Amino acid sequence: MEQIDILDQHGKPTGEILQKREVHRHGHFHASTHLWLYTKSGKVVLQLRAAIKPNFPNCWDVSVAGHISSGETALQTAVREAKEELGITVLAENLQHIGRFRIDYQHAEDYIDREFITIFACEIPDAPLQTTLQEEEVADVTLIPLAKVEAELANAELAKKYVPFNKAYAVEVFEKLNDLFD
């Protein structure tokens, strides 16, 4: 079972380490990583969360996401998760840090997500995706114009097919991604 470092409300390590299941059950702050894969032409990779996921099954989500295991850095996690979830090799030196965001969301009575998310972006070729999906995590991937994602998130009915993005997170991340496009 994955071991996670516990953080305080400011994102500083407390020295406590717990299993991921316990971290969420008790609502401890912890760290995670998001990696947005993008093309210069304005497209982003989204993953469709597997049907067996406990939260937001069958919803479109960020390209790659994962909890930072105890002793691991955000950069190491992004590289590892890209390989595990999508079968894509990304190099740490190609990842661009584009932000850090705090979320506090209760999915269920016994599932509380209190995370400090380190957000990276990585340019990929504007070509068909070559992926090997981690079936228990990811059902599908798509390469889609970010403008279409933004438009669909603004429509209450269409937004239901996505993991709910915190509005401030979406504004900040999408603005930074748009700056990276040609």
Protein backbone atom coordinates (compact mmCIF):
# COMPACT_ATOMS: atom_id res chain seq x y z
CA MET A 1 0.00 0.00 0.00
CA GLU A 2 1.26 3.43 -0.95
CA GLN A 3 2.77 5.47 1.90
CA ILE A 4 2.10 9.23 1.88
CA ASP A 5 3.78 12.09 3.79
CA ILE A 6 1.32 14.11 5.86
CA LEU A 7 1.43 17.91 5.47
CA ASP A 8 0.13 20.71 7.67
CA GLN A 9 -2.43 23.24 6.43
CA HIS A 10 0.41 25.30 4.91
CA GLY A 11 1.86 22.39 2.93
CA LYS A 12 4.82 21.68 5.21
CA PRO A 13 5.69 18.06 6.12
CA THR A 14 4.68 17.04 9.64
CA GLY A 15 6.97 13.98 9.72
CA GLU A 16 4.00 11.61 9.88
CA ILE A 17 3.59 8.98 7.14
CA LEU A 18 0.33 7.08 6.55
CA GLN A 19 -1.17 4.72 4.00
CA LYS A 20 -3.05 6.54 1.25
CA ARG A 21 -6.37 5.01 2.34
CA GLU A 22 -5.90 6.43 5.87
CA VAL A 23 -4.85 9.84 4.55
CA HIS A 24 -8.17 10.19 2.71
CA ARG A 25 -10.27 8.57 5.43
CA HIS A 26 -9.11 11.12 8.00
CA GLY A 27 -8.73 14.11 5.67
CA HIS A 28 -5.04 14.78 6.19
CA PHE A 29 -3.29 17.26 3.94
CA HIS A 30 -0.90 15.59 1.51
CA ALA A 31 0.85 16.26 -1.80
CA SER A 32 -0.02 15.28 -5.35
CA THR A 33 1.10 16.10 -8.85
CA HIS A 34 -0.76 17.03 -12.03
CA LEU A 35 0.95 16.85 -15.41
CA TRP A 36 -0.68 18.51 -18.41
CA LEU A 37 0.61 17.13 -21.71
CA TYR A 38 0.08 19.65 -24.50
CA THR A 39 0.89 20.37 -28.14
CA LYS A 40 2.02 23.71 -29.52
CA SER A 41 -1.19 23.78 -31.60
CA GLY A 42 -3.32 24.18 -28.45
CA LYS A 43 -4.37 20.63 -27.67
CA VAL A 44 -4.12 18.82 -24.33
CA VAL A 45 -4.22 15.15 -23.42
CA LEU A 46 -7.08 14.13 -21.17
CA GLN A 47 -7.50 10.75 -19.55
CA LEU A 48 -10.82 9.03 -18.95
CA ARG A 49 -10.82 7.69 -15.41
CA ALA A 50 -11.52 3.97 -15.14
CA ALA A 51 -15.02 2.83 -14.18
CA ILE A 52 -13.66 1.21 -11.00
CA LYS A 53 -12.18 4.44 -9.60
CA PRO A 54 -13.79 5.36 -6.25
CA ASN A 55 -14.12 9.04 -7.15
CA PHE A 56 -15.23 10.45 -10.51
CA PRO A 57 -15.28 7.17 -12.46
CA ASN A 58 -15.77 7.54 -16.22
CA CYS A 59 -14.94 11.26 -16.12
CA TRP A 60 -12.33 13.10 -18.18
CA ASP A 61 -9.40 14.38 -16.12
CA VAL A 62 -5.96 16.00 -16.34
CA SER A 63 -3.43 14.12 -18.52
CA VAL A 64 -1.63 12.53 -15.57
CA ALA A 65 -2.19 12.78 -11.83
CA GLY A 66 -0.86 11.02 -8.80
CA HIS A 67 -0.11 11.15 -5.12
CA ILE A 68 3.46 11.90 -4.15
CA SER A 69 4.75 8.83 -2.33
CA SER A 70 6.73 9.27 0.86
CA GLY A 71 10.30 10.35 0.05
CA GLU A 72 9.47 11.18 -3.58
CA THR A 73 9.49 14.64 -5.20
CA ALA A 74 6.68 16.14 -7.27
CA LEU A 75 8.88 15.91 -10.37
CA GLN A 76 9.67 12.23 -9.76
CA THR A 77 5.97 11.52 -9.27
CA ALA A 78 5.00 13.23 -12.55
CA VAL A 79 7.58 11.21 -14.50
CA ARG A 80 6.57 7.95 -12.75
CA GLU A 81 2.83 8.50 -13.18
CA ALA A 82 3.16 9.35 -16.90
CA LYS A 83 4.87 6.00 -17.40
CA GLU A 84 2.47 4.05 -15.16
CA GLU A 85 -0.82 5.56 -16.30
CA LEU A 86 -0.18 6.23 -19.99
CA GLY A 87 2.99 4.31 -20.82
CA ILE A 88 4.57 7.60 -21.91
CA THR A 89 8.18 8.42 -21.07
CA VAL A 90 8.70 12.08 -20.19
CA LEU A 91 12.00 13.54 -19.12
CA ALA A 92 12.11 15.54 -15.90
CA GLU A 93 14.08 18.32 -17.61
CA ASN A 94 11.20 18.81 -20.09
CA LEU A 95 8.60 19.41 -17.40
CA GLN A 96 7.68 23.03 -16.75
CA HIS A 97 6.42 23.95 -13.30
CA ILE A 98 3.26 26.02 -13.85
CA GLY A 99 1.79 26.24 -10.36
CA ARG A 100 0.84 24.89 -6.98
CA PHE A 101 -2.73 24.68 -5.83
CA ARG A 102 -4.49 23.66 -2.63
CA ILE A 103 -7.77 21.75 -2.72
CA ASP A 104 -10.07 20.71 0.09
CA TYR A 105 -12.92 18.52 -1.15
CA GLN A 106 -15.05 15.90 0.57
CA HIS A 107 -16.07 13.16 -1.88
CA ALA A 108 -17.84 11.03 0.75
CA GLU A 109 -18.06 10.77 4.53
CA ASP A 110 -14.93 8.61 4.58
CA TYR A 111 -13.12 10.11 1.58
CA ILE A 112 -11.72 13.61 2.07
CA ASP A 113 -9.24 15.02 -0.44
CA ARG A 114 -7.03 17.73 1.06
CA GLU A 115 -4.12 18.17 -1.32
CA PHE A 116 -1.37 20.50 -2.30
CA ILE A 117 -1.06 19.88 -6.04
CA THR A 118 2.20 20.68 -7.84
CA ILE A 119 1.31 21.30 -11.48
CA PHE A 120 3.57 20.69 -14.45
CA ALA A 121 3.19 20.98 -18.23
CA CYS A 122 5.11 19.08 -20.87
CA GLU A 123 5.04 19.60 -24.61
CA ILE A 124 4.44 16.51 -26.75
CA PRO A 125 4.47 16.13 -30.55
CA ASP A 126 1.27 17.04 -32.38
CA ALA A 127 0.87 13.46 -33.62
CA PRO A 128 -1.27 10.45 -32.79
CA LEU A 129 -0.77 9.38 -29.17
CA GLN A 130 1.14 6.18 -28.54
CA THR A 131 -0.03 4.99 -25.12
CA THR A 132 -0.23 1.88 -23.01
CA LEU A 133 -2.98 2.49 -20.49
CA GLN A 134 -2.97 1.31 -16.88
CA GLU A 135 -6.41 -0.31 -17.05
CA GLU A 136 -7.27 -0.01 -13.35
CA GLU A 137 -6.66 3.74 -13.56
CA VAL A 138 -7.34 4.88 -17.14
CA ALA A 139 -10.03 3.76 -19.59
CA ASP A 140 -9.09 6.00 -22.54
CA VAL A 141 -7.14 9.09 -23.59
CA THR A 142 -7.88 11.86 -26.02
CA LEU A 143 -6.01 14.78 -27.55
CA ILE A 144 -8.45 17.68 -27.54
CA PRO A 145 -8.23 21.45 -28.10
CA LEU A 146 -7.99 23.21 -24.73
CA ALA A 147 -10.49 25.79 -26.04
CA LYS A 148 -13.06 22.99 -26.40
CA VAL A 149 -12.41 21.81 -22.84
CA GLU A 150 -12.85 25.35 -21.55
CA ALA A 151 -16.11 25.79 -23.51
CA GLU A 152 -17.50 22.48 -22.27
CA LEU A 153 -16.59 23.25 -18.66
CA ALA A 154 -18.57 26.51 -18.98
CA ASN A 155 -21.68 24.51 -19.95
CA ALA A 156 -23.26 22.88 -16.87
CA GLU A 157 -24.53 19.84 -18.79
CA LEU A 158 -21.30 19.20 -20.74
CA ALA A 159 -19.16 19.80 -17.63
CA LYS A 160 -20.65 16.64 -16.05
CA LYS A 161 -18.36 14.48 -18.19
CA TYR A 162 -15.28 16.02 -16.50
CA VAL A 163 -13.80 15.69 -13.04
CA PRO A 164 -14.91 18.94 -11.39
CA PHE A 165 -12.08 21.44 -11.77
CA ASN A 166 -11.93 24.10 -9.10
CA LYS A 167 -12.69 27.35 -10.97
CA ALA A 168 -9.57 29.15 -9.69
CA TYR A 169 -7.42 26.13 -10.61
CA ALA A 170 -8.89 26.00 -14.13
CA VAL A 171 -8.43 29.73 -14.71
CA GLU A 172 -4.81 29.68 -13.54
CA VAL A 173 -3.76 26.46 -15.28
CA PHE A 174 -5.59 27.11 -18.55
CA GLU A 175 -4.13 30.64 -18.76
CA LYS A 176 -0.62 29.26 -18.32
CA LEU A 177 -1.23 26.49 -20.87
CA ASN A 178 -2.57 29.01 -23.39
CA ASP A 179 0.67 31.00 -22.96
CA LEU A 180 2.63 27.89 -24.01
CA PHE A 181 0.77 27.42 -27.29
CA ASP A 182 1.99 28.96 -30.56
